[in-house]
Amino acid sequence: MRAGISRYAEYPFADAQGEPVVLASDGLLDPKLEGRERLLPLLESALDEVEAQLGPEALQRGRLSVLLSCPEVRPGFSEEDEDWLVNAVEARYRGKSSGARIVLAGRGHAGALRAVEQALRECADGRDHLFLVAGADSYHHTETFLWLEQARRFAQPGVRSGFTPGEGAGCLALMSAGPRRRRGLPRLAVVRGAHTARECQLRDSSTGSFGVGMTQVVEDAVMGLELPREAIDDLYTDINGERYRSEEWGFVVLRTPSVWKSTGYKAPSSCWGDVGAASGALGGVLAVRAFARGYARGPRAMVIAGSDGGLRGAMLLQDPRVP
């Protein structure tokens, strides 16, 4: 993302004209794997990486909750697939962590932001509680590709407002301050706020979206800031090229001018495609790394995302070096 390198490439699936489709995919996975069979190794890879950073003691001490963000139900991903994925993660933690709790906390692009919102509520009691917020998605399934094509949402020649399907997984580890210090873990960012709401004007609405739901979550997330002095420096969004979401963002900007130092934003889909339910977690990773490496525009970053089903979410992160 920092270098602006696109991972778009031809994939062994033919469009209606018989040409290979272009999308972003994990090159280590067999192209023959579809749906949940691709999701599980993506998710396990992200969990492995975070667990290695935390160390085995972190999983054993105190209470562990794994809050999952899964794809919304669609062709290629059913409620049965959702249950299968949750059960697979539960099986992973049997024997690894005593009493680990696995929860399906959200669905779709904003699912991980709903999971962060839940973690903040549960962190308020200050107990020794570790939350892993993990989101994973993959559009790489024959039925999903056909569904996107029929809805004219798959970015292909002749489709003006489509997106490039991607896949990925991300994981964030969250703890309240006291337990984090006792465990000797570094503080990479401070979550100043995370909120979700429902957008009633969905993509099939005759009027399109006026950004009411997204405006609400943005305003809720910045409630503790002194605006415009403490306006948002960096914005990470799941905007993917579809007109509906771009127009929604335009209305949000008009409604919240004092929130932003700049109306520019970073859209990871330009490099790794639309990553669906992984969007919120991966947006958080980008913001955290920008703080750590010193190329963030300022100390405050926001991650926003919107699920097809109407869920909207916003998370406000702050550089930990700022009081």
Protein backbone atom coordinates (compact mmCIF):
# COMPACT_ATOMS: atom_id res chain seq x y z
CA MET A 1 0.00 0.00 0.00
CA ARG A 2 2.77 2.43 0.95
CA ALA A 3 4.53 1.84 -2.38
CA GLY A 4 1.28 1.87 -4.35
CA ILE A 5 1.97 -1.56 -5.86
CA SER A 6 -1.09 -3.20 -7.36
CA ARG A 7 -1.54 -6.94 -6.88
CA TYR A 8 -4.16 -7.20 -9.62
CA ALA A 9 -3.56 -10.13 -11.96
CA GLU A 10 -5.39 -12.47 -14.32
CA TYR A 11 -7.09 -15.37 -12.59
CA PRO A 12 -8.10 -18.74 -14.10
CA PHE A 13 -11.81 -17.94 -14.41
CA ALA A 14 -13.34 -16.80 -17.69
CA ASP A 15 -15.81 -13.94 -18.03
CA ALA A 16 -18.81 -13.93 -20.38
CA GLN A 17 -16.49 -13.12 -23.32
CA GLY A 18 -14.19 -16.01 -22.49
CA GLU A 19 -11.40 -13.77 -21.20
CA PRO A 20 -9.62 -14.35 -17.87
CA VAL A 21 -10.92 -12.11 -15.11
CA VAL A 22 -8.65 -9.67 -13.27
CA LEU A 23 -8.64 -9.71 -9.49
CA ALA A 24 -6.32 -9.73 -6.49
CA SER A 25 -5.55 -13.07 -4.87
CA ASP A 26 -3.26 -14.75 -2.36
CA GLY A 27 -0.59 -16.32 -4.54
CA LEU A 28 0.16 -19.02 -1.96
CA LEU A 29 -3.33 -20.52 -2.16
CA ASP A 30 -4.32 -23.07 -4.79
CA PRO A 31 -6.71 -21.39 -7.30
CA LYS A 32 -8.89 -24.51 -7.08
CA LEU A 33 -9.75 -23.71 -3.45
CA GLU A 34 -13.07 -21.89 -3.12
CA GLY A 35 -15.12 -20.13 -0.48
CA ARG A 36 -14.67 -21.27 3.10
CA GLU A 37 -11.75 -23.52 2.13
CA ARG A 38 -9.83 -20.36 1.17
CA LEU A 39 -11.10 -18.31 4.10
CA LEU A 40 -9.78 -20.59 6.84
CA PRO A 41 -6.07 -20.54 5.84
CA LEU A 42 -6.28 -16.76 5.33
CA LEU A 43 -7.77 -16.32 8.79
CA GLU A 44 -5.35 -18.73 10.45
CA SER A 45 -2.41 -16.91 8.87
CA ALA A 46 -3.47 -13.60 10.44
CA LEU A 47 -4.13 -15.22 13.82
CA ASP A 48 -0.76 -17.02 13.71
CA GLU A 49 1.05 -13.74 13.10
CA VAL A 50 -0.63 -11.90 15.98
CA GLU A 51 -0.26 -14.82 18.40
CA ALA A 52 3.47 -15.01 17.60
CA GLN A 53 3.81 -11.31 18.45
CA LEU A 54 1.90 -11.69 21.72
CA GLY A 55 3.62 -14.89 22.86
CA PRO A 56 2.02 -18.05 24.30
CA GLU A 57 1.59 -16.55 27.78
CA ALA A 58 -0.80 -13.91 26.47
CA LEU A 59 -3.24 -16.60 25.35
CA GLN A 60 -3.19 -18.38 28.70
CA ARG A 61 -3.38 -15.50 31.17
CA GLY A 62 -6.75 -13.90 31.77
CA ARG A 63 -9.69 -14.16 29.44
CA LEU A 64 -9.40 -14.46 25.65
CA SER A 65 -12.16 -13.46 23.23
CA VAL A 66 -11.83 -13.91 19.47
CA LEU A 67 -14.32 -11.61 17.77
CA LEU A 68 -14.82 -12.63 14.14
CA SER A 69 -15.93 -10.65 11.11
CA CYS A 70 -17.20 -12.93 8.32
CA PRO A 71 -18.64 -12.30 4.85
CA GLU A 72 -22.31 -11.51 4.58
CA VAL A 73 -24.44 -14.38 3.28
CA ARG A 74 -24.27 -14.42 -0.52
CA PRO A 75 -23.88 -16.94 -3.36
CA GLY A 76 -20.69 -18.82 -2.50
CA PHE A 77 -20.96 -18.18 1.25
CA SER A 78 -23.92 -19.51 3.23
CA GLU A 79 -24.99 -19.53 6.87
CA GLU A 80 -23.69 -23.10 6.98
CA ASP A 81 -20.27 -21.86 5.80
CA GLU A 82 -20.38 -19.21 8.52
CA ASP A 83 -21.06 -21.83 11.20
CA TRP A 84 -18.31 -24.05 9.78
CA LEU A 85 -15.77 -21.21 9.99
CA VAL A 86 -16.70 -20.34 13.58
CA ASN A 87 -16.45 -24.02 14.57
CA ALA A 88 -13.02 -24.28 12.89
CA VAL A 89 -11.73 -21.32 14.92
CA GLU A 90 -13.18 -22.82 18.11
CA ALA A 91 -11.34 -26.06 17.37
CA ARG A 92 -8.12 -24.11 16.86
CA TYR A 93 -8.21 -22.73 20.42
CA ARG A 94 -9.12 -25.95 22.20
CA GLY A 95 -6.07 -26.70 24.31
CA LYS A 96 -4.37 -23.52 23.15
CA SER A 97 -6.23 -21.24 25.55
CA SER A 98 -8.35 -22.29 28.48
CA GLY A 99 -11.86 -20.92 28.16
CA ALA A 100 -11.34 -18.99 24.92
CA ARG A 101 -14.55 -17.42 23.67
CA ILE A 102 -15.21 -17.34 19.91
CA VAL A 103 -17.92 -14.89 18.81
CA LEU A 104 -19.28 -13.95 15.41
CA ALA A 105 -19.31 -10.21 16.07
CA GLY A 106 -20.03 -8.75 12.63
CA ARG A 107 -20.53 -9.37 8.94
CA GLY A 108 -19.32 -7.65 5.83
CA HIS A 109 -17.01 -4.68 5.37
CA ALA A 110 -17.94 -3.02 8.67
CA GLY A 111 -18.00 -6.27 10.65
CA ALA A 112 -14.57 -5.86 12.26
CA LEU A 113 -15.48 -2.30 13.33
CA ARG A 114 -18.54 -3.65 15.09
CA ALA A 115 -16.23 -6.17 16.80
CA VAL A 116 -13.97 -3.33 18.01
CA GLU A 117 -17.05 -1.51 19.31
CA GLN A 118 -18.01 -4.64 21.26
CA ALA A 119 -14.47 -5.01 22.64
CA LEU A 120 -14.50 -1.40 23.88
CA ARG A 121 -17.74 -1.99 25.75
CA GLU A 122 -16.39 -5.14 27.38
CA CYS A 123 -13.01 -3.53 28.16
CA ALA A 124 -14.68 -0.87 30.27
CA ASP A 125 -14.61 -3.06 33.39
CA GLY A 126 -10.76 -3.06 33.32
CA ARG A 127 -10.44 -6.82 33.80
CA ASP A 128 -7.50 -8.79 32.36
CA HIS A 129 -9.13 -9.47 29.03
CA LEU A 130 -7.48 -9.90 25.62
CA PHE A 131 -9.53 -9.41 22.48
CA LEU A 132 -8.48 -10.61 19.03
CA VAL A 133 -10.59 -8.89 16.39
CA ALA A 134 -10.17 -10.91 13.21
CA GLY A 135 -11.79 -10.36 9.81
CA ALA A 136 -11.46 -12.51 6.71
CA ASP A 137 -13.07 -12.58 3.29
CA SER A 138 -12.60 -14.01 -0.18
CA TYR A 139 -14.76 -13.47 -3.24
CA HIS A 140 -12.96 -16.33 -4.99
CA HIS A 141 -15.83 -18.71 -5.61
CA THR A 142 -17.52 -19.53 -8.92
CA GLU A 143 -21.00 -18.72 -7.58
CA THR A 144 -19.78 -15.41 -6.15
CA PHE A 145 -18.15 -14.39 -9.42
CA LEU A 146 -21.34 -15.16 -11.36
CA TRP A 147 -23.44 -13.26 -8.83
CA LEU A 148 -21.19 -10.20 -9.14
CA GLU A 149 -21.27 -10.40 -12.94
CA GLN A 150 -25.07 -10.62 -13.06
CA ALA A 151 -25.37 -7.62 -10.77
CA ARG A 152 -22.82 -5.72 -12.89
CA ARG A 153 -20.59 -5.23 -9.86
CA PHE A 154 -17.54 -7.13 -11.15
CA ALA A 155 -15.06 -4.65 -12.68
CA GLN A 156 -14.90 -5.78 -16.32
CA PRO A 157 -14.99 -4.10 -19.74
CA GLY A 158 -18.38 -2.42 -20.16
CA VAL A 159 -19.09 -2.23 -16.43
CA ARG A 160 -18.80 1.41 -15.30
CA SER A 161 -19.24 1.01 -11.55
CA GLY A 162 -17.78 -2.36 -10.63
CA PHE A 163 -15.04 -3.39 -8.20
CA THR A 164 -12.09 -5.73 -8.35
CA PRO A 165 -12.63 -8.72 -6.04
CA GLY A 166 -9.86 -9.45 -3.57
CA GLU A 167 -9.27 -11.58 -0.53
CA GLY A 168 -7.46 -11.21 2.74
CA ALA A 169 -7.52 -11.39 6.51
CA GLY A 170 -6.42 -9.10 9.31
CA CYS A 171 -6.30 -9.26 13.09
CA LEU A 172 -6.09 -6.61 15.81
CA ALA A 173 -5.20 -7.31 19.46
CA LEU A 174 -6.96 -5.04 21.97
CA MET A 175 -6.56 -4.70 25.74
CA SER A 176 -7.35 -2.10 28.35
CA ALA A 177 -4.34 -0.16 29.68
CA GLY A 178 -3.83 -1.86 33.05
CA PRO A 179 -3.73 -5.49 31.86
CA ARG A 180 -1.55 -4.48 28.88
CA ARG A 181 1.05 -2.89 31.16
CA ARG A 182 1.02 -5.90 33.53
CA ARG A 183 1.78 -8.18 30.60
CA GLY A 184 4.55 -5.93 29.34
CA LEU A 185 2.99 -5.53 25.89
CA PRO A 186 3.72 -2.43 23.75
CA ARG A 187 1.04 0.12 22.98
CA LEU A 188 0.81 0.57 19.20
CA ALA A 189 -2.28 2.79 19.09
CA VAL A 190 -5.09 4.07 21.27
CA VAL A 191 -8.67 3.38 20.21
CA ARG A 192 -10.41 6.70 20.90
CA GLY A 193 -13.76 5.46 19.65
CA ALA A 194 -15.53 2.84 17.56
CA HIS A 195 -19.18 3.04 16.58
CA THR A 196 -21.63 1.40 14.21
CA ALA A 197 -25.05 2.31 12.85
CA ARG A 198 -27.51 1.21 10.16
CA GLU A 199 -27.92 2.82 6.76
CA CYS A 200 -31.50 2.48 5.49
CA GLN A 201 -30.87 3.65 1.92
CA LEU A 202 -29.11 0.60 0.45
CA ARG A 203 -27.63 0.20 -3.00
CA ASP A 204 -30.97 -0.88 -4.46
CA SER A 205 -32.62 2.32 -3.23
CA SER A 206 -34.08 4.51 -5.99
CA THR A 207 -32.44 7.58 -4.45
CA GLY A 208 -29.05 6.13 -3.52
CA SER A 209 -27.44 6.85 -0.17
CA PHE A 210 -27.34 10.28 1.45
CA GLY A 211 -24.70 9.11 3.90
CA VAL A 212 -26.93 9.29 6.99
CA GLY A 213 -25.64 6.11 8.62
CA MET A 214 -21.98 6.80 7.89
CA THR A 215 -22.31 10.40 9.07
CA GLN A 216 -23.73 9.16 12.36
CA VAL A 217 -20.83 6.79 13.06
CA VAL A 218 -18.23 9.40 12.12
CA GLU A 219 -19.80 11.98 14.44
CA ASP A 220 -20.04 9.43 17.26
CA ALA A 221 -16.39 8.38 16.82
CA VAL A 222 -15.05 11.95 17.07
CA MET A 223 -17.27 12.98 19.98
CA GLY A 224 -14.32 13.34 22.38
CA LEU A 225 -12.20 15.48 20.04
CA GLU A 226 -11.82 19.26 20.11
CA LEU A 227 -12.73 20.12 16.52
CA PRO A 228 -11.41 21.50 14.26
CA ARG A 229 -8.09 21.63 16.14
CA GLU A 230 -8.03 17.85 16.56
CA ALA A 231 -9.39 17.00 13.14
CA ILE A 232 -8.64 13.66 11.47
CA ASP A 233 -5.26 13.49 9.72
CA ASP A 234 -5.59 10.20 7.79
CA LEU A 235 -8.62 8.30 6.55
CA TYR A 236 -8.63 4.63 5.52
CA THR A 237 -11.78 3.55 3.71
CA ASP A 238 -13.22 0.52 1.95
CA ILE A 239 -14.36 2.60 -1.04
CA ASN A 240 -13.83 0.29 -4.02
CA GLY A 241 -14.85 2.14 -7.17
CA GLU A 242 -18.59 1.54 -6.91
CA ARG A 243 -20.56 4.72 -7.48
CA TYR A 244 -22.93 4.08 -4.55
CA ARG A 245 -20.14 4.16 -1.95
CA SER A 246 -18.33 7.12 -3.53
CA GLU A 247 -21.53 9.18 -3.53
CA GLU A 248 -22.16 8.20 0.08
CA TRP A 249 -18.72 9.50 1.05
CA GLY A 250 -19.45 12.78 -0.74
CA PHE A 251 -22.51 13.36 1.44
CA VAL A 252 -20.55 12.47 4.59
CA VAL A 253 -17.93 15.12 3.76
CA LEU A 254 -20.63 17.74 3.21
CA ARG A 255 -22.20 16.91 6.57
CA THR A 256 -18.95 16.79 8.60
CA PRO A 257 -16.53 19.45 7.24
CA SER A 258 -14.87 20.18 10.59
CA VAL A 259 -13.91 16.52 11.13
CA TRP A 260 -11.31 16.32 8.35
CA LYS A 261 -8.02 18.11 7.78
CA SER A 262 -8.26 16.88 4.19
CA THR A 263 -10.99 15.16 2.21
CA GLY A 264 -8.40 12.87 0.65
CA TYR A 265 -8.44 9.23 1.68
CA LYS A 266 -6.52 6.00 1.29
CA ALA A 267 -8.44 3.22 -0.46
CA PRO A 268 -6.55 -0.08 -0.14
CA SER A 269 -8.78 -1.67 -2.79
CA SER A 270 -6.65 0.12 -5.41
CA CYS A 271 -3.81 -2.26 -4.51
CA TRP A 272 -5.29 -5.43 -3.05
CA GLY A 273 -8.87 -5.37 -4.36
CA ASP A 274 -12.02 -5.32 -2.26
CA VAL A 275 -11.27 -7.41 0.86
CA GLY A 276 -14.81 -7.38 2.25
CA ALA A 277 -15.06 -8.45 5.90
CA ALA A 278 -11.30 -7.97 6.38
CA SER A 279 -11.56 -4.24 5.56
CA GLY A 280 -11.91 -2.85 9.09
CA ALA A 281 -9.08 -4.89 10.61
CA LEU A 282 -6.69 -4.28 7.72
CA GLY A 283 -7.47 -0.56 7.73
CA GLY A 284 -6.48 -0.55 11.39
CA VAL A 285 -3.22 -2.32 10.57
CA LEU A 286 -2.36 0.34 7.97
CA ALA A 287 -3.00 3.15 10.45
CA VAL A 288 -0.94 1.49 13.20
CA ARG A 289 2.03 0.89 10.89
CA ALA A 290 1.89 4.51 9.70
CA PHE A 291 2.18 5.66 13.33
CA ALA A 292 5.05 3.26 14.04
CA ARG A 293 7.05 4.11 10.92
CA GLY A 294 6.55 7.84 11.10
CA TYR A 295 4.78 8.53 7.83
CA ALA A 296 1.31 9.25 9.23
CA ARG A 297 0.20 12.79 8.42
CA GLY A 298 -0.64 13.36 12.06
CA PRO A 299 -1.61 11.62 15.30
CA ARG A 300 -5.23 10.78 14.45
CA ALA A 301 -6.50 8.28 11.89
CA MET A 302 -9.97 7.01 11.12
CA VAL A 303 -11.05 3.73 9.52
CA ILE A 304 -14.52 3.62 7.98
CA ALA A 305 -16.37 0.81 6.20
CA GLY A 306 -19.86 -0.05 5.01
CA SER A 307 -21.41 -3.50 4.60
CA ASP A 308 -23.83 -4.28 1.77
CA GLY A 309 -26.53 -5.08 4.33
CA GLY A 310 -26.45 -1.53 5.73
CA LEU A 311 -24.01 -1.78 8.66
CA ARG A 312 -21.74 1.26 8.82
CA GLY A 313 -18.72 1.58 11.09
CA ALA A 314 -16.01 4.04 12.08
CA MET A 315 -12.95 3.59 14.32
CA LEU A 316 -10.78 6.45 15.56
CA LEU A 317 -7.14 5.59 16.33
CA GLN A 318 -4.53 7.85 17.93
CA ASP A 319 -0.74 7.70 17.92
CA PRO A 320 0.24 6.31 21.36
CA ARG A 321 2.96 8.95 21.78
CA VAL A 322 0.35 11.71 21.96
CA PRO A 323 -0.99 12.40 25.50
